[in-house]
Structure formats: structure tokens, C-alpha cells
PDB file of N, CA and C in Angstrom:
ATOM      1  N   UNK A   1       1.149  -1.181  -0.063  1.00  0.00           N
ATOM      2  CA  UNK A   1      -0.023   0.095   0.019  1.00  0.00           C
ATOM      3  C   UNK A   1       0.717   1.116   0.266  1.00  0.00           C
ATOM      4  N   UNK A   2       0.415   2.393  -0.889  1.00  0.00           N
ATOM      5  CA  UNK A   2       1.490   3.199  -0.756  1.00  0.00           C
ATOM      6  C   UNK A   2       1.330   4.115   0.555  1.00  0.00           C
ATOM      7  N   UNK A   3       2.162   4.976   0.887  1.00  0.00           N
ATOM      8  CA  UNK A   3       2.521   6.089   1.851  1.00  0.00           C
ATOM      9  C   UNK A   3       1.057   7.114   1.741  1.00  0.00           C
ATOM     10  N   UNK A   4       0.518   7.102   0.966  1.00  0.00           N
ATOM     11  CA  UNK A   4      -0.457   8.316   0.192  1.00  0.00           C
ATOM     12  C   UNK A   4      -1.660   7.315   0.849  1.00  0.00           C
ATOM     13  N   UNK A   5      -1.881   6.191   0.340  1.00  0.00           N
ATOM     14  CA  UNK A   5      -3.249   5.639   0.657  1.00  0.00           C
ATOM     15  C   UNK A   5      -3.201   5.061   2.149  1.00  0.00           C
ATOM     16  N   UNK A   6      -2.289   5.166   3.078  1.00  0.00           N
ATOM     17  CA  UNK A   6      -1.632   4.789   4.698  1.00  0.00           C
ATOM     18  C   UNK A   6      -2.140   6.176   4.996  1.00  0.00           C
ATOM     19  N   UNK A   7      -1.943   7.363   4.540  1.00  0.00           N
ATOM     20  CA  UNK A   7      -1.870   8.687   5.537  1.00  0.00           C
ATOM     21  C   UNK A   7      -3.538   9.170   5.625  1.00  0.00           C
ATOM     22  N   UNK A   8      -4.056   8.729   3.718  1.00  0.00           N
ATOM     23  CA  UNK A   8      -5.127   9.325   3.708  1.00  0.00           C
ATOM     24  C   UNK A   8      -6.321   8.184   5.000  1.00  0.00           C
ATOM     25  N   UNK A   9      -6.014   7.025   4.621  1.00  0.00           N
ATOM     26  CA  UNK A   9      -6.636   6.054   5.902  1.00  0.00           C
ATOM     27  C   UNK A   9      -6.629   6.536   7.111  1.00  0.00           C
ATOM     28  N   UNK A  10      -5.335   7.078   7.482  1.00  0.00           N
ATOM     29  CA  UNK A  10      -5.203   7.163   8.930  1.00  0.00           C
ATOM     30  C   UNK A  10      -5.576   8.754   9.103  1.00  0.00           C
ATOM     31  N   UNK A  11      -5.872   9.428   8.461  1.00  0.00           N
ATOM     32  CA  UNK A  11      -6.808  10.378   8.283  1.00  0.00           C
ATOM     33  C   UNK A  11      -8.019  10.536   8.945  1.00  0.00           C
ATOM     34  N   UNK A  12      -8.679   9.738   7.802  1.00  0.00           N
ATOM     35  CA  UNK A  12      -9.700   9.678   7.710  1.00  0.00           C
ATOM     36  C   UNK A  12     -10.330   8.887   9.256  1.00  0.00           C
ATOM     37  N   UNK A  13      -9.530   7.908   9.748  1.00  0.00           N
ATOM     38  CA  UNK A  13      -9.760   7.151  10.793  1.00  0.00           C
ATOM     39  C   UNK A  13      -9.338   8.530  11.597  1.00  0.00           C
ATOM     40  N   UNK A  14      -8.749   8.842  11.758  1.00  0.00           N
ATOM     41  CA  UNK A  14      -8.536  10.217  12.743  1.00  0.00           C
ATOM     42  C   UNK A  14     -10.060  11.025  12.561  1.00  0.00           C
ATOM     43  N   UNK A  15     -10.019  11.286  12.140  1.00  0.00           N
ATOM     44  CA  UNK A  15     -11.367  12.259  11.506  1.00  0.00           C
ATOM     45  C   UNK A  15     -12.666  11.566  12.075  1.00  0.00           C
ATOM     46  N   UNK A  16     -12.839  10.260  11.743  1.00  0.00           N
ATOM     47  CA  UNK A  16     -14.307   9.538  12.142  1.00  0.00           C
ATOM     48  C   UNK A  16     -13.983   9.479  13.820  1.00  0.00           C
ATOM     49  N   UNK A  17     -12.777   9.153  14.261  1.00  0.00           N
ATOM     50  CA  UNK A  17     -12.871   9.019  16.159  1.00  0.00           C
ATOM     51  C   UNK A  17     -13.274  10.369  16.347  1.00  0.00           C
ATOM     52  N   UNK A  18     -12.477  11.626  16.094  1.00  0.00           N
ATOM     53  CA  UNK A  18     -12.485  12.880  16.623  1.00  0.00           C
ATOM     54  C   UNK A  18     -14.555  13.303  16.403  1.00  0.00           C
ATOM     55  N   UNK A  19     -15.140  12.928  15.078  1.00  0.00           N
ATOM     56  CA  UNK A  19     -16.588  13.229  15.068  1.00  0.00           C
ATOM     57  C   UNK A  19     -17.283  12.116  16.011  1.00  0.00           C
ATOM     58  N   UNK A  20     -16.857  10.854  16.053  1.00  0.00           N
ATOM     59  CA  UNK A  20     -17.717  10.321  17.088  1.00  0.00           C
ATOM     60  C   UNK A  20     -17.249  10.425  18.431  1.00  0.00           C
ATOM     61  N   UNK A  21     -16.036  10.810  18.967  1.00  0.00           N
ATOM     62  CA  UNK A  21     -16.320  11.300  20.138  1.00  0.00           C
ATOM     63  C   UNK A  21     -16.666  12.834  20.802  1.00  0.00           C
ATOM     64  N   UNK A  22     -17.344  13.704  19.615  1.00  0.00           N
ATOM     65  CA  UNK A  22     -17.313  14.786  19.751  1.00  0.00           C
ATOM     66  C   UNK A  22     -19.029  14.682  20.119  1.00  0.00           C
ATOM     67  N   UNK A  23     -19.507  13.641  19.104  1.00  0.00           N
ATOM     68  CA  UNK A  23     -20.809  13.667  19.326  1.00  0.00           C
ATOM     69  C   UNK A  23     -21.706  13.615  20.771  1.00  0.00           C
ATOM     70  N   UNK A  24     -21.529  13.217  21.533  1.00  0.00           N
ATOM     71  CA  UNK A  24     -22.244  13.004  22.621  1.00  0.00           C
ATOM     72  C   UNK A  24     -22.142  14.346  23.114  1.00  0.00           C
ATOM     73  N   UNK A  25     -20.869  15.212  23.160  1.00  0.00           N
ATOM     74  CA  UNK A  25     -20.824  16.372  23.795  1.00  0.00           C
ATOM     75  C   UNK A  25     -21.775  17.636  23.028  1.00  0.00           C
ATOM     76  N   UNK A  26     -22.271  17.155  21.483  1.00  0.00           N
ATOM     77  CA  UNK A  26     -22.991  17.850  20.749  1.00  0.00           C
ATOM     78  C   UNK A  26     -24.211  17.994  20.974  1.00  0.00           C
ATOM     79  N   UNK A  27     -24.612  16.447  21.372  1.00  0.00           N
ATOM     80  CA  UNK A  27     -26.057  16.387  22.093  1.00  0.00           C
ATOM     81  C   UNK A  27     -26.500  16.573  23.152  1.00  0.00           C
ATOM     82  N   UNK A  28     -25.162  17.160  23.782  1.00  0.00           N
ATOM     83  CA  UNK A  28     -25.876  17.750  25.238  1.00  0.00           C
ATOM     84  C   UNK A  28     -25.904  18.911  25.122  1.00  0.00           C
ATOM     85  N   UNK A  29     -24.892  19.683  24.401  1.00  0.00           N
ATOM     86  CA  UNK A  29     -25.630  20.944  23.896  1.00  0.00           C
ATOM     87  C   UNK A  29     -26.873  21.249  23.329  1.00  0.00           C
ATOM     88  N   UNK A  30     -27.795  20.353  22.385  1.00  0.00           N
ATOM     89  CA  UNK A  30     -28.507  20.418  22.175  1.00  0.00           C
ATOM     90  C   UNK A  30     -30.008  19.972  23.539  1.00  0.00           C
ATOM     91  N   UNK A  31     -29.391  19.444  24.359  1.00  0.00           N
ATOM     92  CA  UNK A  31     -30.436  19.104  25.390  1.00  0.00           C
ATOM     93  C   UNK A  31     -30.324  19.649  26.542  1.00  0.00           C
ATOM     94  N   UNK A  32     -29.228  19.742  26.784  1.00  0.00           N
ATOM     95  CA  UNK A  32     -28.603  21.177  27.925  1.00  0.00           C
ATOM     96  C   UNK A  32     -28.067  20.170  29.218  1.00  0.00           C
ATOM     97  N   UNK A  33     -28.270  18.449  28.962  1.00  0.00           N
ATOM     98  CA  UNK A  33     -27.607  18.065  29.827  1.00  0.00           C
ATOM     99  C   UNK A  33     -26.300  17.218  29.260  1.00  0.00           C
ATOM    100  N   UNK A  34     -25.158  16.787  30.350  1.00  0.00           N
ATOM    101  CA  UNK A  34     -23.751  16.004  30.563  1.00  0.00           C
ATOM    102  C   UNK A  34     -24.330  14.506  29.596  1.00  0.00           C
ATOM    103  N   UNK A  35     -23.426  14.242  28.810  1.00  0.00           N
ATOM    104  CA  UNK A  35     -23.522  13.209  28.124  1.00  0.00           C
ATOM    105  C   UNK A  35     -23.420  11.827  29.536  1.00  0.00           C
ATOM    106  N   UNK A  36     -24.010  10.971  29.048  1.00  0.00           N
ATOM    107  CA  UNK A  36     -24.002   9.818  29.978  1.00  0.00           C
ATOM    108  C   UNK A  36     -22.824   9.466  30.566  1.00  0.00           C
ATOM    109  N   UNK A  37     -22.308   9.488  31.804  1.00  0.00           N
ATOM    110  CA  UNK A  37     -20.739   8.883  33.071  1.00  0.00           C
ATOM    111  C   UNK A  37     -19.976  10.296  32.104  1.00  0.00           C
ATOM    112  N   UNK A  38     -20.458  11.457  31.880  1.00  0.00           N
ATOM    113  CA  UNK A  38     -19.530  12.736  31.842  1.00  0.00           C
ATOM    114  C   UNK A  38     -20.071  13.777  32.701  1.00  0.00           C
ATOM    115  N   UNK A  39     -20.548  13.029  33.947  1.00  0.00           N
ATOM    116  CA  UNK A  39     -20.715  13.554  34.951  1.00  0.00           C
ATOM    117  C   UNK A  39     -20.058  13.516  36.311  1.00  0.00           C
ATOM    118  N   UNK A  40     -20.374  14.773  37.447  1.00  0.00           N
ATOM    119  CA  UNK A  40     -19.222  14.370  38.607  1.00  0.00           C
ATOM    120  C   UNK A  40     -20.544  13.707  39.771  1.00  0.00           C
ATOM    121  N   UNK A  41     -20.265  12.077  40.104  1.00  0.00           N
ATOM    122  CA  UNK A  41     -20.611  11.914  41.113  1.00  0.00           C
ATOM    123  C   UNK A  41     -21.924  11.122  40.447  1.00  0.00           C
ATOM    124  N   UNK A  42     -23.065  11.388  41.839  1.00  0.00           N
ATOM    125  CA  UNK A  42     -24.334  10.611  41.328  1.00  0.00           C
ATOM    126  C   UNK A  42     -25.106  12.064  40.208  1.00  0.00           C
ATOM    127  N   UNK A  43     -24.647  13.263  40.086  1.00  0.00           N
ATOM    128  CA  UNK A  43     -25.069  13.869  39.411  1.00  0.00           C
ATOM    129  C   UNK A  43     -25.076  13.622  38.187  1.00  0.00           C
ATOM    130  N   UNK A  44     -24.276  12.995  37.578  1.00  0.00           N
ATOM    131  CA  UNK A  44     -23.813  12.373  35.959  1.00  0.00           C
ATOM    132  C   UNK A  44     -24.534  11.113  35.820  1.00  0.00           C
ATOM    133  N   UNK A  45     -24.455  10.235  37.060  1.00  0.00           N
ATOM    134  CA  UNK A  45     -25.227   8.993  36.812  1.00  0.00           C
ATOM    135  C   UNK A  45     -26.902   9.399  37.040  1.00  0.00           C
ATOM    136  N   UNK A  46     -27.508  10.421  37.264  1.00  0.00           N
ATOM    137  CA  UNK A  46     -28.609  10.813  37.420  1.00  0.00           C
ATOM    138  C   UNK A  46     -28.939  11.554  36.239  1.00  0.00           C
ATOM    139  N   UNK A  47     -28.262  12.231  35.217  1.00  0.00           N
ATOM    140  CA  UNK A  47     -28.357  12.985  33.901  1.00  0.00           C
ATOM    141  C   UNK A  47     -28.448  12.002  33.525  1.00  0.00           C
ATOM    142  N   UNK A  48     -27.447  11.026  33.173  1.00  0.00           N
ATOM    143  CA  UNK A  48     -27.345   9.643  32.245  1.00  0.00           C
ATOM    144  C   UNK A  48     -28.991   9.067  32.511  1.00  0.00           C
ATOM    145  N   UNK A  49     -29.377   8.853  33.305  1.00  0.00           N
ATOM    146  CA  UNK A  49     -30.155   7.850  33.956  1.00  0.00           C
ATOM    147  C   UNK A  49     -31.968   8.318  32.965  1.00  0.00           C
ATOM    148  N   UNK A  50     -32.014   9.658  33.204  1.00  0.00           N
ATOM    149  CA  UNK A  50     -32.712  10.856  33.306  1.00  0.00           C
ATOM    150  C   UNK A  50     -32.704  10.912  31.495  1.00  0.00           C
ATOM    151  N   UNK A  51     -31.606  11.291  31.247  1.00  0.00           N
ATOM    152  CA  UNK A  51     -31.550  10.910  29.384  1.00  0.00           C
ATOM    153  C   UNK A  51     -32.034   9.601  28.614  1.00  0.00           C
ATOM    154  N   UNK A  52     -31.488   8.649  29.425  1.00  0.00           N
ATOM    155  CA  UNK A  52     -31.951   7.601  28.825  1.00  0.00           C
ATOM    156  C   UNK A  52     -33.301   6.684  28.814  1.00  0.00           C
ATOM    157  N   UNK A  53     -33.908   7.180  29.852  1.00  0.00           N
ATOM    158  CA  UNK A  53     -35.229   6.519  30.295  1.00  0.00           C
ATOM    159  C   UNK A  53     -35.750   8.090  30.883  1.00  0.00           C
ATOM    160  N   UNK A  54     -35.749   9.405  30.760  1.00  0.00           N
ATOM    161  CA  UNK A  54     -36.763  10.012  30.899  1.00  0.00           C
ATOM    162  C   UNK A  54     -37.488  10.439  32.258  1.00  0.00           C
ATOM    163  N   UNK A  55     -36.806  10.463  33.451  1.00  0.00           N
ATOM    164  CA  UNK A  55     -37.447  10.455  34.379  1.00  0.00           C
ATOM    165  C   UNK A  55     -38.259  12.253  35.019  1.00  0.00           C
ATOM    166  N   UNK A  56     -39.334  11.808  35.466  1.00  0.00           N
ATOM    167  CA  UNK A  56     -39.667  12.625  36.210  1.00  0.00           C
ATOM    168  C   UNK A  56     -39.200  13.031  36.969  1.00  0.00           C
ATOM    169  N   UNK A  57     -39.271  14.880  37.703  1.00  0.00           N
ATOM    170  CA  UNK A  57     -39.093  15.520  38.827  1.00  0.00           C
ATOM    171  C   UNK A  57     -38.901  14.307  40.397  1.00  0.00           C
ATOM    172  N   UNK A  58     -40.178  13.748  40.204  1.00  0.00           N
ATOM    173  CA  UNK A  58     -40.376  13.049  41.739  1.00  0.00           C
ATOM    174  C   UNK A  58     -39.234  11.951  41.083  1.00  0.00           C
ATOM    175  N   UNK A  59     -39.234  11.030  40.263  1.00  0.00           N
ATOM    176  CA  UNK A  59     -37.999  10.032  40.523  1.00  0.00           C
ATOM    177  C   UNK A  59     -36.871  10.573  40.326  1.00  0.00           C
ATOM    178  N   UNK A  60     -36.237  11.504  39.628  1.00  0.00           N
ATOM    179  CA  UNK A  60     -35.403  12.509  39.662  1.00  0.00           C
ATOM    180  C   UNK A  60     -34.839  12.239  41.388  1.00  0.00           C
ATOM    181  N   UNK A  61     -35.920  12.972  41.958  1.00  0.00           N
ATOM    182  CA  UNK A  61     -35.512  13.234  43.853  1.00  0.00           C
ATOM    183  C   UNK A  61     -35.039  11.645  44.126  1.00  0.00           C
ATOM    184  N   UNK A  62     -36.397  10.530  44.079  1.00  0.00           N
ATOM    185  CA  UNK A  62     -36.134   9.673  44.336  1.00  0.00           C
ATOM    186  C   UNK A  62     -35.045   8.430  44.369  1.00  0.00           C
ATOM    187  N   UNK A  63     -34.257   9.178  43.107  1.00  0.00           N
ATOM    188  CA  UNK A  63     -33.382   7.920  42.773  1.00  0.00           C
ATOM    189  C   UNK A  63     -31.984   8.961  43.422  1.00  0.00           C
ATOM    190  N   UNK A  64     -32.063  10.378  43.389  1.00  0.00           N
ATOM    191  CA  UNK A  64     -30.811  10.972  43.938  1.00  0.00           C
ATOM    192  C   UNK A  64     -31.071  10.413  45.424  1.00  0.00           C
ATOM    193  N   UNK A  65     -31.947  10.547  46.178  1.00  0.00           N
ATOM    194  CA  UNK A  65     -32.190  10.256  47.872  1.00  0.00           C
ATOM    195  C   UNK A  65     -31.648   8.709  47.680  1.00  0.00           C
ATOM    196  N   UNK A  66     -32.372   7.738  46.936  1.00  0.00           N
ATOM    197  CA  UNK A  66     -31.586   5.928  47.106  1.00  0.00           C
ATOM    198  C   UNK A  66     -29.930   6.140  46.845  1.00  0.00           C
ATOM    199  N   UNK A  67     -29.575   7.109  46.073  1.00  0.00           N
ATOM    200  CA  UNK A  67     -28.155   7.266  45.999  1.00  0.00           C
ATOM    201  C   UNK A  67     -27.370   7.396  46.697  1.00  0.00           C
ATOM    202  N   UNK A  68     -28.215   8.997  47.615  1.00  0.00           N
ATOM    203  CA  UNK A  68     -27.227   9.209  48.978  1.00  0.00           C
ATOM    204  C   UNK A  68     -27.186   7.972  49.431  1.00  0.00           C
ATOM    205  N   UNK A  69     -28.120   7.450  49.687  1.00  0.00           N
ATOM    206  CA  UNK A  69     -28.292   5.779  50.753  1.00  0.00           C
ATOM    207  C   UNK A  69     -27.379   5.058  50.500  1.00  0.00           C
ATOM    208  N   UNK A  70     -26.897   5.149  49.082  1.00  0.00           N
ATOM    209  CA  UNK A  70     -25.706   4.399  49.184  1.00  0.00           C
ATOM    210  C   UNK A  70     -24.790   4.303  50.070  1.00  0.00           C
ATOM    211  N   UNK A  71     -24.510   6.123  49.367  1.00  0.00           N
ATOM    212  CA  UNK A  71     -23.273   6.318  49.626  1.00  0.00           C
ATOM    213  C   UNK A  71     -23.509   6.248  51.161  1.00  0.00           C
ATOM    214  N   UNK A  72     -23.977   6.642  51.940  1.00  0.00           N
ATOM    215  CA  UNK A  72     -24.062   6.481  53.476  1.00  0.00           C
ATOM    216  C   UNK A  72     -23.620   5.227  54.230  1.00  0.00           C
ATOM    217  N   UNK A  73     -24.015   3.939  53.359  1.00  0.00           N
ATOM    218  CA  UNK A  73     -24.056   2.766  53.689  1.00  0.00           C
ATOM    219  C   UNK A  73     -22.590   2.451  53.030  1.00  0.00           C
ATOM    220  N   UNK A  74     -22.274   2.908  52.428  1.00  0.00           N
ATOM    221  CA  UNK A  74     -20.785   2.127  51.340  1.00  0.00           C
ATOM    222  C   UNK A  74     -20.002   2.836  52.431  1.00  0.00           C
ATOM    223  N   UNK A  75     -20.200   4.237  53.002  1.00  0.00           N
ATOM    224  CA  UNK A  75     -19.424   4.823  54.028  1.00  0.00           C
ATOM    225  C   UNK A  75     -19.322   4.309  55.518  1.00  0.00           C
ATOM    226  N   UNK A  76     -19.953   3.820  55.876  1.00  0.00           N
ATOM    227  CA  UNK A  76     -20.336   2.924  56.872  1.00  0.00           C
ATOM    228  C   UNK A  76     -19.207   1.779  57.018  1.00  0.00           C
ATOM    229  N   UNK A  77     -19.740   1.139  55.539  1.00  0.00           N
ATOM    230  CA  UNK A  77     -19.229  -0.272  55.625  1.00  0.00           C
ATOM    231  C   UNK A  77     -17.275   0.063  55.242  1.00  0.00           C
ATOM    232  N   UNK A  78     -17.076   1.002  54.994  1.00  0.00           N
ATOM    233  CA  UNK A  78     -15.887   1.135  54.440  1.00  0.00           C
ATOM    234  C   UNK A  78     -15.425   1.340  56.089  1.00  0.00           C
ATOM    235  N   UNK A  79     -15.615   2.441  56.851  1.00  0.00           N
ATOM    236  CA  UNK A  79     -15.088   2.699  58.119  1.00  0.00           C
ATOM    237  C   UNK A  79     -15.457   1.609  58.911  1.00  0.00           C
ATOM    238  N   UNK A  80     -15.904   0.651  58.885  1.00  0.00           N
ATOM    239  CA  UNK A  80     -16.358  -0.688  60.071  1.00  0.00           C
ATOM    240  C   UNK A  80     -14.899  -1.504  59.057  1.00  0.00           C
ATOM    241  N   UNK A  81     -15.155  -2.108  58.127  1.00  0.00           N
ATOM    242  CA  UNK A  81     -13.323  -2.243  57.344  1.00  0.00           C
ATOM    243  C   UNK A  81     -12.300  -1.683  57.914  1.00  0.00           C
ATOM    244  N   UNK A  82     -12.296  -0.699  57.870  1.00  0.00           N
ATOM    245  CA  UNK A  82     -10.866   0.461  58.251  1.00  0.00           C
ATOM    246  C   UNK A  82     -10.382  -0.019  59.421  1.00  0.00           C
ATOM    247  N   UNK A  83     -11.430  -0.245  60.791  1.00  0.00           N
ATOM    248  CA  UNK A  83     -11.736  -0.858  61.860  1.00  0.00           C
ATOM    249  C   UNK A  83     -10.843  -2.371  62.072  1.00  0.00           C
ATOM    250  N   UNK A  84     -11.783  -3.201  60.981  1.00  0.00           N
ATOM    251  CA  UNK A  84     -10.948  -4.736  61.257  1.00  0.00           C
ATOM    252  C   UNK A  84      -9.846  -4.871  60.631  1.00  0.00           C
ATOM    253  N   UNK A  85      -8.913  -4.048  59.827  1.00  0.00           N
ATOM    254  CA  UNK A  85      -8.403  -3.936  59.380  1.00  0.00           C
ATOM    255  C   UNK A  85      -6.539  -3.669  60.063  1.00  0.00           C
ATOM    256  N   UNK A  86      -7.205  -2.231  61.185  1.00  0.00           N
ATOM    257  CA  UNK A  86      -6.261  -1.628  61.943  1.00  0.00           C
ATOM    258  C   UNK A  86      -6.025  -3.089  63.091  1.00  0.00           C
ATOM    259  N   UNK A  87      -7.206  -3.837  63.270  1.00  0.00           N
ATOM    260  CA  UNK A  87      -7.551  -4.700  64.365  1.00  0.00           C
ATOM    261  C   UNK A  87      -5.907  -5.994  64.511  1.00  0.00           C
ATOM    262  N   UNK A  88      -5.390  -5.777  62.702  1.00  0.00           N
ATOM    263  CA  UNK A  88      -4.707  -7.302  62.514  1.00  0.00           C
ATOM    264  C   UNK A  88      -3.167  -6.665  62.667  1.00  0.00           C
ATOM    265  N   UNK A  89      -3.175  -5.087  62.659  1.00  0.00           N
ATOM    266  CA  UNK A  89      -1.552  -4.273  61.964  1.00  0.00           C
ATOM    267  C   UNK A  89      -0.980  -4.652  63.764  1.00  0.00           C
ATOM    268  N   UNK A  90       0.010  -3.969  63.697  1.00  0.00           N
ATOM    269  CA  UNK A  90       1.137  -3.891  64.938  1.00  0.00           C
ATOM    270  C   UNK A  90       0.729  -2.504  64.720  1.00  0.00           C
ATOM    271  N   UNK A  91       0.991  -1.881  65.917  1.00  0.00           N
ATOM    272  CA  UNK A  91       1.130  -0.460  66.893  1.00  0.00           C
ATOM    273  C   UNK A  91       1.891   0.194  65.247  1.00  0.00           C
ATOM    274  N   UNK A  92       3.085  -0.528  64.929  1.00  0.00           N
ATOM    275  CA  UNK A  92       3.555   0.850  63.792  1.00  0.00           C
ATOM    276  C   UNK A  92       2.888   0.481  62.448  1.00  0.00           C
ATOM    277  N   UNK A  93       2.349  -0.270  62.082  1.00  0.00           N
ATOM    278  CA  UNK A  93       1.607  -1.066  61.129  1.00  0.00           C
ATOM    279  C   UNK A  93       0.259  -0.066  60.686  1.00  0.00           C
ATOM    280  N   UNK A  94      -0.275   0.543  62.303  1.00  0.00           N
ATOM    281  CA  UNK A  94      -1.449   1.050  62.117  1.00  0.00           C
ATOM    282  C   UNK A  94      -0.821   2.488  62.248  1.00  0.00           C
ATOM    283  N   UNK A  95      -0.139   3.412  62.482  1.00  0.00           N
ATOM    284  CA  UNK A  95       0.519   4.713  62.232  1.00  0.00           C
ATOM    285  C   UNK A  95       0.615   4.694  60.621  1.00  0.00           C
ATOM    286  N   UNK A  96       1.195   3.611  59.698  1.00  0.00           N
ATOM    287  CA  UNK A  96       0.972   3.832  58.294  1.00  0.00           C
ATOM    288  C   UNK A  96       0.149   3.689  57.973  1.00  0.00           C
ATOM    289  N   UNK A  97      -1.080   2.934  58.246  1.00  0.00           N
ATOM    290  CA  UNK A  97      -2.188   2.523  57.896  1.00  0.00           C
ATOM    291  C   UNK A  97      -2.849   3.908  57.882  1.00  0.00           C
ATOM    292  N   UNK A  98      -3.107   4.516  58.987  1.00  0.00           N
ATOM    293  CA  UNK A  98      -3.549   5.732  59.197  1.00  0.00           C
ATOM    294  C   UNK A  98      -3.332   6.930  58.296  1.00  0.00           C
ATOM    295  N   UNK A  99      -1.891   6.740  58.099  1.00  0.00           N
ATOM    296  CA  UNK A  99      -1.296   7.787  56.845  1.00  0.00           C
ATOM    297  C   UNK A  99      -1.843   7.726  56.209  1.00  0.00           C
ATOM    298  N   UNK A 100      -1.429   6.254  55.474  1.00  0.00           N
ATOM    299  CA  UNK A 100      -2.307   5.802  54.440  1.00  0.00           C
ATOM    300  C   UNK A 100      -3.478   6.290  54.039  1.00  0.00           C
ATOM    301  N   UNK A 101      -4.796   6.342  54.981  1.00  0.00           N
ATOM    302  CA  UNK A 101      -5.828   6.626  54.722  1.00  0.00           C
ATOM    303  C   UNK A 101      -6.432   7.813  54.675  1.00  0.00           C
ATOM    304  N   UNK A 102      -5.398   8.772  55.343  1.00  0.00           N
ATOM    305  CA  UNK A 102      -5.444   9.982  55.247  1.00  0.00           C
ATOM    306  C   UNK A 102      -4.897  10.262  54.230  1.00  0.00           C
ATOM    307  N   UNK A 103      -3.793   9.799  52.879  1.00  0.00           N
ATOM    308  CA  UNK A 103      -3.718  10.273  52.262  1.00  0.00           C
ATOM    309  C   UNK A 103      -4.668   9.934  50.802  1.00  0.00           C
ATOM    310  N   UNK A 104      -4.815   8.689  50.988  1.00  0.00           N
ATOM    311  CA  UNK A 104      -6.347   8.434  50.271  1.00  0.00           C
ATOM    312  C   UNK A 104      -7.645   8.955  50.456  1.00  0.00           C
ATOM    313  N   UNK A 105      -8.098   9.742  51.131  1.00  0.00           N
ATOM    314  CA  UNK A 105      -9.373  10.761  51.447  1.00  0.00           C
ATOM    315  C   UNK A 105      -8.285  12.034  50.783  1.00  0.00           C
ATOM    316  N   UNK A 106      -7.288  12.320  51.062  1.00  0.00           N
ATOM    317  CA  UNK A 106      -6.975  13.628  50.466  1.00  0.00           C
ATOM    318  C   UNK A 106      -6.755  13.519  49.115  1.00  0.00           C
ATOM    319  N   UNK A 107      -6.553  12.599  48.301  1.00  0.00           N
ATOM    320  CA  UNK A 107      -6.881  12.212  47.022  1.00  0.00           C
ATOM    321  C   UNK A 107      -7.450  11.891  46.104  1.00  0.00           C
ATOM    322  N   UNK A 108      -8.507  11.409  47.188  1.00  0.00           N
ATOM    323  CA  UNK A 108      -9.976  11.255  46.059  1.00  0.00           C
ATOM    324  C   UNK A 108     -11.038  11.921  47.289  1.00  0.00           C
ATOM    325  N   UNK A 109     -10.857  13.470  47.365  1.00  0.00           N
ATOM    326  CA  UNK A 109     -11.316  14.437  48.056  1.00  0.00           C
ATOM    327  C   UNK A 109     -12.313  15.124  47.292  1.00  0.00           C
ATOM    328  N   UNK A 110     -13.453  15.755  47.128  1.00  0.00           N
ATOM    329  CA  UNK A 110     -14.151  16.011  46.190  1.00  0.00           C
ATOM    330  C   UNK A 110     -13.656  17.916  46.149  1.00  0.00           C
ATOM    331  N   UNK A 111     -13.518  17.513  44.699  1.00  0.00           N
ATOM    332  CA  UNK A 111     -12.735  19.202  43.891  1.00  0.00           C
ATOM    333  C   UNK A 111     -14.004  19.593  43.286  1.00  0.00           C
ATOM    334  N   UNK A 112     -13.939  20.997  43.240  1.00  0.00           N
ATOM    335  CA  UNK A 112     -14.573  21.337  41.976  1.00  0.00           C
ATOM    336  C   UNK A 112     -14.755  21.478  40.727  1.00  0.00           C
ATOM    337  N   UNK A 113     -15.160  21.241  39.464  1.00  0.00           N
ATOM    338  CA  UNK A 113     -15.145  21.150  38.239  1.00  0.00           C
ATOM    339  C   UNK A 113     -14.531  22.658  38.336  1.00  0.00           C
ATOM    340  N   UNK A 114     -13.854  22.245  36.830  1.00  0.00           N
ATOM    341  CA  UNK A 114     -13.202  23.545  36.247  1.00  0.00           C
ATOM    342  C   UNK A 114     -13.835  23.613  34.936  1.00  0.00           C
ATOM    343  N   UNK A 115     -13.967  24.790  34.646  1.00  0.00           N
ATOM    344  CA  UNK A 115     -14.790  24.688  33.263  1.00  0.00           C
ATOM    345  C   UNK A 115     -13.824  26.152  32.491  1.00  0.00           C
TER     346      UNK A 115
END
């Protein structure tokens, strides 16, 4: 295959990729909603679900409440597991574990979206 054909095919493939990756955002501009999976936290999930199934305001509120309940339960389970992990560690390891958890919380702390 000649270099011209290779370059043309690569260029067309790249152009197609760019068009397809921009399409969800173009649709979002029309609907005023973020593309599914492109939001922050449960808001992105709810927006995607709303886009897919068409939620009423009451359903959106109910789903939001269910997701908040899930986050609380998940946080409680995580804290219980941390206590159990600490129980199997030596005092020196516990100090390192506490530092590790602190670092994890800082790395995964909520950060406002930048525009």
C-alpha cells in the first residue's frame, strides 16, 4: 500500500474518531444535559439515567435519595472495614495505615469542576 493511501486512511480514521467522540457533547449542547458517564458523582449518573429513560422530577428526587443512602451505607461499611484492618496490624503498621488512609482521603476528596 502506498504512503498516500496509508496517510489518507489514517487521516480518515482520526477524523472519524474525533467526530464520534464529539457527538455526545454536541447532543448535550442541544439537550442541556451532560453525556452519560460524563458528570461528577451521582449527578452524572442521574443525568445519564434521565437522558436514557426520561425521569419525572419526583423520580429524579427519589433516585437522588437512593444514591445518597447508598453512599452513606458504603461509607459506614468502609469505616467498619478500616477498624477491622487496624485490628490485624501492629502498632507501627497502624500508624502507617492511618497515614495511608489520610493520603487516600486527600487524593479522592471532592474537587470542584473547572470550566
